[in-house]
Amino acid sequence: MRIKLGAIGLIGAALGGCASTMNIIGDPFAQPAKFQYLRCEDIAKSIATSQKRDKELRDLMDRAGGGVGGSTANMLVYAPDLRQVEGDLRQLREAAGEKRCSDEVLKGAPKAEVAPPR
């Protein structure tokens, strides 16, 4: 019995470590090469728009969290949208790095503050 529990624990730990790396599995909320053909100016505009949407969603989640059933609303309504926006921001920044966009172009799109996931 102890051997089975130990083996199950080892297998779970091994598989759990693999599931946490997005580089191997990929981001389920982001389409690959979605921003590949954008110019640096368009990437900067998209980053600014995504950051604005990220802030809106976080504000909505904070407001809903205080009410009755707020955590359920956050989980079902706002969390998937927030993960989508976070994935888009990650890909936009990667695309900007790959295209070697200048800092002057991206100054209009500063990095969003990182808040803990809910």
N, C-alpha and C. Protein backbone atom coordinates (compact mmCIF):
# COMPACT_ATOMS: atom_id res chain seq x y z
N MET A 1 0.82 -1.19 0.00
CA MET A 1 0.00 0.00 0.00
C MET A 1 0.87 1.26 0.00
N ARG A 2 1.91 1.27 0.83
CA ARG A 2 2.79 2.43 0.89
C ARG A 2 3.56 2.61 -0.41
N ILE A 3 3.94 1.51 -1.01
CA ILE A 3 4.68 1.59 -2.27
C ILE A 3 3.81 2.20 -3.35
N LYS A 4 2.53 1.79 -3.40
CA LYS A 4 1.61 2.33 -4.41
C LYS A 4 1.42 3.83 -4.23
N LEU A 5 1.24 4.27 -2.98
CA LEU A 5 1.07 5.70 -2.72
C LEU A 5 2.32 6.49 -3.08
N GLY A 6 3.48 5.93 -2.78
CA GLY A 6 4.74 6.58 -3.14
C GLY A 6 4.91 6.69 -4.64
N ALA A 7 4.56 5.62 -5.35
CA ALA A 7 4.67 5.63 -6.81
C ALA A 7 3.70 6.63 -7.42
N ILE A 8 2.49 6.68 -6.89
CA ILE A 8 1.51 7.64 -7.40
C ILE A 8 1.98 9.06 -7.14
N GLY A 9 2.56 9.30 -5.97
CA GLY A 9 3.08 10.63 -5.65
C GLY A 9 4.20 11.05 -6.58
N LEU A 10 5.12 10.13 -6.89
CA LEU A 10 6.22 10.42 -7.80
C LEU A 10 5.73 10.70 -9.22
N ILE A 11 4.79 9.91 -9.67
CA ILE A 11 4.24 10.12 -11.01
C ILE A 11 3.52 11.46 -11.08
N GLY A 12 2.75 11.77 -10.06
CA GLY A 12 2.04 13.05 -10.03
C GLY A 12 2.98 14.24 -10.03
N ALA A 13 4.07 14.14 -9.25
CA ALA A 13 5.05 15.23 -9.21
C ALA A 13 5.76 15.38 -10.55
N ALA A 14 6.07 14.26 -11.18
CA ALA A 14 6.75 14.32 -12.48
C ALA A 14 5.86 14.94 -13.55
N LEU A 15 4.61 14.54 -13.58
CA LEU A 15 3.69 15.08 -14.58
C LEU A 15 3.30 16.52 -14.27
N GLY A 16 3.21 16.87 -13.02
CA GLY A 16 2.86 18.24 -12.63
C GLY A 16 3.92 19.23 -13.06
N GLY A 17 5.17 18.85 -13.02
CA GLY A 17 6.25 19.73 -13.46
C GLY A 17 6.21 19.98 -14.95
N CYS A 18 5.80 19.00 -15.71
CA CYS A 18 5.73 19.16 -17.16
C CYS A 18 4.56 20.05 -17.57
N ALA A 19 3.49 19.96 -16.84
CA ALA A 19 2.29 20.70 -17.23
C ALA A 19 2.40 22.19 -16.98
N SER A 20 3.37 22.62 -16.19
CA SER A 20 3.46 24.03 -15.86
C SER A 20 4.29 24.83 -16.85
N THR A 21 4.96 24.21 -17.79
CA THR A 21 5.79 24.95 -18.72
C THR A 21 5.02 25.24 -20.00
N MET A 22 4.82 26.53 -20.28
CA MET A 22 4.08 26.92 -21.48
C MET A 22 4.93 26.83 -22.74
N ASN A 23 6.25 26.82 -22.59
CA ASN A 23 7.11 26.72 -23.76
C ASN A 23 6.96 25.37 -24.44
N ILE A 24 6.71 24.33 -23.67
CA ILE A 24 6.57 22.99 -24.25
C ILE A 24 5.15 22.77 -24.75
N ILE A 25 4.18 23.10 -23.91
CA ILE A 25 2.78 22.83 -24.24
C ILE A 25 2.19 23.94 -25.08
N GLY A 26 2.54 25.17 -24.79
CA GLY A 26 1.97 26.31 -25.48
C GLY A 26 0.88 26.95 -24.64
N ASP A 27 0.56 28.17 -24.96
CA ASP A 27 -0.46 28.91 -24.24
C ASP A 27 -1.82 28.60 -24.85
N PRO A 28 -2.73 28.02 -24.07
CA PRO A 28 -4.02 27.65 -24.64
C PRO A 28 -4.90 28.85 -24.96
N PHE A 29 -4.55 30.04 -24.46
CA PHE A 29 -5.36 31.22 -24.70
C PHE A 29 -4.79 32.12 -25.79
N ALA A 30 -3.74 31.72 -26.46
CA ALA A 30 -3.12 32.55 -27.48
C ALA A 30 -2.91 31.74 -28.75
N GLN A 31 -3.20 32.37 -29.87
CA GLN A 31 -2.99 31.72 -31.16
C GLN A 31 -1.54 31.93 -31.60
N PRO A 32 -0.88 30.89 -32.04
CA PRO A 32 0.51 31.05 -32.48
C PRO A 32 0.60 31.99 -33.68
N ALA A 33 1.61 32.84 -33.67
CA ALA A 33 1.91 33.77 -34.77
C ALA A 33 0.76 34.71 -35.08
N LYS A 34 -0.06 35.01 -34.10
CA LYS A 34 -1.21 35.90 -34.31
C LYS A 34 -0.76 37.31 -34.68
N PHE A 35 0.36 37.75 -34.13
CA PHE A 35 0.82 39.13 -34.34
C PHE A 35 2.08 39.18 -35.20
N GLN A 36 2.34 38.15 -35.93
CA GLN A 36 3.57 38.02 -36.71
C GLN A 36 3.69 39.09 -37.80
N TYR A 37 2.59 39.48 -38.41
CA TYR A 37 2.66 40.39 -39.56
C TYR A 37 2.35 41.84 -39.21
N LEU A 38 2.29 42.17 -37.92
CA LEU A 38 2.05 43.55 -37.52
C LEU A 38 3.34 44.35 -37.56
N ARG A 39 3.23 45.64 -37.89
CA ARG A 39 4.37 46.55 -37.81
C ARG A 39 4.56 46.98 -36.37
N CYS A 40 5.69 47.56 -36.06
CA CYS A 40 5.98 47.97 -34.69
C CYS A 40 4.96 48.97 -34.16
N GLU A 41 4.51 49.89 -35.00
CA GLU A 41 3.52 50.88 -34.58
C GLU A 41 2.20 50.19 -34.23
N ASP A 42 1.83 49.18 -35.02
CA ASP A 42 0.60 48.44 -34.75
C ASP A 42 0.73 47.59 -33.49
N ILE A 43 1.91 47.05 -33.28
CA ILE A 43 2.15 46.27 -32.05
C ILE A 43 2.00 47.18 -30.84
N ALA A 44 2.55 48.39 -30.91
CA ALA A 44 2.45 49.33 -29.79
C ALA A 44 0.99 49.69 -29.51
N LYS A 45 0.21 49.91 -30.56
CA LYS A 45 -1.21 50.21 -30.38
C LYS A 45 -1.95 49.03 -29.78
N SER A 46 -1.63 47.84 -30.23
CA SER A 46 -2.28 46.64 -29.70
C SER A 46 -1.90 46.40 -28.24
N ILE A 47 -0.66 46.69 -27.88
CA ILE A 47 -0.24 46.55 -26.49
C ILE A 47 -1.02 47.52 -25.61
N ALA A 48 -1.14 48.77 -26.07
CA ALA A 48 -1.88 49.77 -25.29
C ALA A 48 -3.34 49.37 -25.12
N THR A 49 -3.96 48.87 -26.18
CA THR A 49 -5.35 48.43 -26.12
C THR A 49 -5.51 47.24 -25.19
N SER A 50 -4.60 46.28 -25.27
CA SER A 50 -4.67 45.10 -24.42
C SER A 50 -4.44 45.45 -22.96
N GLN A 51 -3.54 46.39 -22.70
CA GLN A 51 -3.30 46.81 -21.32
C GLN A 51 -4.53 47.51 -20.74
N LYS A 52 -5.19 48.30 -21.57
CA LYS A 52 -6.41 48.97 -21.12
C LYS A 52 -7.48 47.93 -20.78
N ARG A 53 -7.63 46.94 -21.63
CA ARG A 53 -8.61 45.87 -21.38
C ARG A 53 -8.24 45.06 -20.14
N ASP A 54 -6.95 44.82 -19.93
CA ASP A 54 -6.48 44.11 -18.75
C ASP A 54 -6.88 44.87 -17.48
N LYS A 55 -6.67 46.17 -17.48
CA LYS A 55 -7.03 46.99 -16.31
C LYS A 55 -8.54 46.98 -16.08
N GLU A 56 -9.32 47.07 -17.17
CA GLU A 56 -10.79 47.03 -17.04
C GLU A 56 -11.25 45.72 -16.42
N LEU A 57 -10.69 44.61 -16.90
CA LEU A 57 -11.08 43.30 -16.37
C LEU A 57 -10.70 43.15 -14.90
N ARG A 58 -9.52 43.61 -14.54
CA ARG A 58 -9.10 43.53 -13.14
C ARG A 58 -10.00 44.38 -12.25
N ASP A 59 -10.39 45.56 -12.72
CA ASP A 59 -11.30 46.41 -11.95
C ASP A 59 -12.66 45.74 -11.79
N LEU A 60 -13.16 45.13 -12.87
CA LEU A 60 -14.44 44.43 -12.80
C LEU A 60 -14.37 43.26 -11.83
N MET A 61 -13.24 42.54 -11.85
CA MET A 61 -13.08 41.41 -10.93
C MET A 61 -13.03 41.88 -9.48
N ASP A 62 -12.37 43.01 -9.24
CA ASP A 62 -12.32 43.55 -7.88
C ASP A 62 -13.71 43.96 -7.39
N ARG A 63 -14.48 44.61 -8.27
CA ARG A 63 -15.84 45.02 -7.91
C ARG A 63 -16.74 43.83 -7.67
N ALA A 64 -16.65 42.84 -8.54
CA ALA A 64 -17.52 41.66 -8.42
C ALA A 64 -17.12 40.80 -7.22
N GLY A 65 -15.86 40.82 -6.86
CA GLY A 65 -15.39 39.97 -5.77
C GLY A 65 -16.02 40.32 -4.43
N GLY A 66 -16.48 41.55 -4.25
CA GLY A 66 -17.07 41.94 -2.98
C GLY A 66 -18.52 41.55 -2.83
N GLY A 67 -19.19 41.23 -3.91
CA GLY A 67 -20.61 40.91 -3.86
C GLY A 67 -20.88 39.43 -3.69
N VAL A 68 -22.16 39.13 -3.53
CA VAL A 68 -22.58 37.73 -3.41
C VAL A 68 -22.39 37.04 -4.76
N GLY A 69 -21.72 35.92 -4.76
CA GLY A 69 -21.47 35.18 -5.98
C GLY A 69 -20.40 35.81 -6.85
N GLY A 70 -19.66 36.76 -6.31
CA GLY A 70 -18.63 37.45 -7.08
C GLY A 70 -17.51 36.55 -7.53
N SER A 71 -17.11 35.63 -6.66
CA SER A 71 -16.01 34.74 -7.05
C SER A 71 -16.44 33.82 -8.19
N THR A 72 -17.71 33.43 -8.19
CA THR A 72 -18.21 32.59 -9.28
C THR A 72 -18.24 33.39 -10.58
N ALA A 73 -18.70 34.64 -10.51
CA ALA A 73 -18.71 35.49 -11.70
C ALA A 73 -17.30 35.72 -12.21
N ASN A 74 -16.38 35.94 -11.29
CA ASN A 74 -14.99 36.13 -11.70
C ASN A 74 -14.45 34.91 -12.43
N MET A 75 -14.73 33.74 -11.87
CA MET A 75 -14.20 32.50 -12.43
C MET A 75 -14.83 32.19 -13.79
N LEU A 76 -16.13 32.41 -13.92
CA LEU A 76 -16.82 32.00 -15.14
C LEU A 76 -16.81 33.07 -16.24
N VAL A 77 -16.83 34.33 -15.85
CA VAL A 77 -16.98 35.39 -16.85
C VAL A 77 -15.67 36.12 -17.13
N TYR A 78 -15.03 36.61 -16.07
CA TYR A 78 -13.89 37.50 -16.27
C TYR A 78 -12.55 36.77 -16.40
N ALA A 79 -12.36 35.68 -15.70
CA ALA A 79 -11.06 34.99 -15.72
C ALA A 79 -10.65 34.52 -17.12
N PRO A 80 -11.54 33.90 -17.90
CA PRO A 80 -11.11 33.49 -19.25
C PRO A 80 -10.72 34.68 -20.13
N ASP A 81 -11.47 35.78 -20.02
CA ASP A 81 -11.11 36.97 -20.79
C ASP A 81 -9.76 37.53 -20.35
N LEU A 82 -9.53 37.52 -19.05
CA LEU A 82 -8.26 38.03 -18.52
C LEU A 82 -7.10 37.17 -19.01
N ARG A 83 -7.27 35.87 -19.00
CA ARG A 83 -6.20 34.98 -19.48
C ARG A 83 -5.93 35.20 -20.97
N GLN A 84 -6.99 35.46 -21.73
CA GLN A 84 -6.82 35.74 -23.16
C GLN A 84 -6.01 37.02 -23.36
N VAL A 85 -6.34 38.05 -22.62
CA VAL A 85 -5.63 39.33 -22.73
C VAL A 85 -4.17 39.17 -22.29
N GLU A 86 -3.94 38.43 -21.21
CA GLU A 86 -2.57 38.19 -20.77
C GLU A 86 -1.76 37.43 -21.82
N GLY A 87 -2.39 36.46 -22.46
CA GLY A 87 -1.71 35.72 -23.53
C GLY A 87 -1.39 36.62 -24.71
N ASP A 88 -2.34 37.49 -25.06
CA ASP A 88 -2.10 38.43 -26.16
C ASP A 88 -0.95 39.38 -25.82
N LEU A 89 -0.93 39.90 -24.60
CA LEU A 89 0.15 40.79 -24.21
C LEU A 89 1.50 40.09 -24.27
N ARG A 90 1.55 38.85 -23.82
CA ARG A 90 2.79 38.08 -23.85
C ARG A 90 3.26 37.91 -25.29
N GLN A 91 2.35 37.57 -26.18
CA GLN A 91 2.73 37.38 -27.58
C GLN A 91 3.10 38.69 -28.26
N LEU A 92 2.42 39.77 -27.91
CA LEU A 92 2.76 41.07 -28.48
C LEU A 92 4.17 41.49 -28.09
N ARG A 93 4.52 41.27 -26.84
CA ARG A 93 5.87 41.63 -26.39
C ARG A 93 6.92 40.74 -27.06
N GLU A 94 6.59 39.47 -27.24
CA GLU A 94 7.52 38.58 -27.95
C GLU A 94 7.69 39.03 -29.40
N ALA A 95 6.58 39.41 -30.05
CA ALA A 95 6.65 39.87 -31.43
C ALA A 95 7.46 41.15 -31.53
N ALA A 96 7.29 42.05 -30.56
CA ALA A 96 8.07 43.30 -30.55
C ALA A 96 9.55 43.00 -30.39
N GLY A 97 9.89 42.03 -29.57
CA GLY A 97 11.29 41.65 -29.39
C GLY A 97 11.87 41.01 -30.63
N GLU A 98 11.08 40.16 -31.29
CA GLU A 98 11.56 39.49 -32.51
C GLU A 98 11.77 40.49 -33.64
N LYS A 99 10.91 41.50 -33.70
CA LYS A 99 11.03 42.51 -34.76
C LYS A 99 12.01 43.61 -34.38
N ARG A 100 12.53 43.54 -33.16
CA ARG A 100 13.47 44.54 -32.64
C ARG A 100 12.87 45.95 -32.74
N CYS A 101 11.65 46.08 -32.28
CA CYS A 101 10.99 47.38 -32.27
C CYS A 101 11.72 48.30 -31.31
N SER A 102 11.85 49.56 -31.71
CA SER A 102 12.57 50.52 -30.88
C SER A 102 11.75 50.87 -29.64
N ASP A 103 12.45 51.30 -28.62
CA ASP A 103 11.78 51.68 -27.38
C ASP A 103 10.89 52.90 -27.57
N GLU A 104 11.25 53.77 -28.51
CA GLU A 104 10.44 54.97 -28.76
C GLU A 104 9.04 54.59 -29.25
N VAL A 105 8.98 53.55 -30.06
CA VAL A 105 7.69 53.12 -30.60
C VAL A 105 6.85 52.51 -29.49
N LEU A 106 7.48 51.75 -28.62
CA LEU A 106 6.75 51.05 -27.57
C LEU A 106 6.54 51.88 -26.31
N LYS A 107 7.06 53.11 -26.27
CA LYS A 107 6.88 53.94 -25.08
C LYS A 107 5.42 54.25 -24.83
N GLY A 108 4.65 54.31 -25.88
CA GLY A 108 3.22 54.54 -25.71
C GLY A 108 2.51 53.37 -25.11
N ALA A 109 3.19 52.25 -24.97
CA ALA A 109 2.61 51.04 -24.40
C ALA A 109 3.49 50.51 -23.29
N PRO A 110 3.46 51.16 -22.11
CA PRO A 110 4.28 50.67 -21.01
C PRO A 110 3.79 49.34 -20.50
N LYS A 111 4.67 48.63 -19.81
CA LYS A 111 4.30 47.31 -19.28
C LYS A 111 3.22 47.48 -18.22
N ALA A 112 2.28 46.58 -18.23
CA ALA A 112 1.20 46.60 -17.25
C ALA A 112 1.72 46.08 -15.92
N GLU A 113 1.16 46.58 -14.84
CA GLU A 113 1.55 46.07 -13.54
C GLU A 113 1.02 44.66 -13.38
N VAL A 114 1.82 43.83 -12.78
CA VAL A 114 1.46 42.43 -12.64
C VAL A 114 0.77 42.23 -11.29
N ALA A 115 -0.46 41.75 -11.35
CA ALA A 115 -1.20 41.46 -10.13
C ALA A 115 -1.28 39.95 -9.97
N PRO A 116 -1.40 39.46 -8.76
CA PRO A 116 -1.48 38.02 -8.55
C PRO A 116 -2.73 37.44 -9.18
N PRO A 117 -2.66 36.24 -9.77
CA PRO A 117 -3.84 35.63 -10.38
C PRO A 117 -4.89 35.30 -9.34
N ARG A 118 -6.11 35.28 -9.76
CA ARG A 118 -7.22 35.01 -8.85
C ARG A 118 -7.76 33.64 -9.08
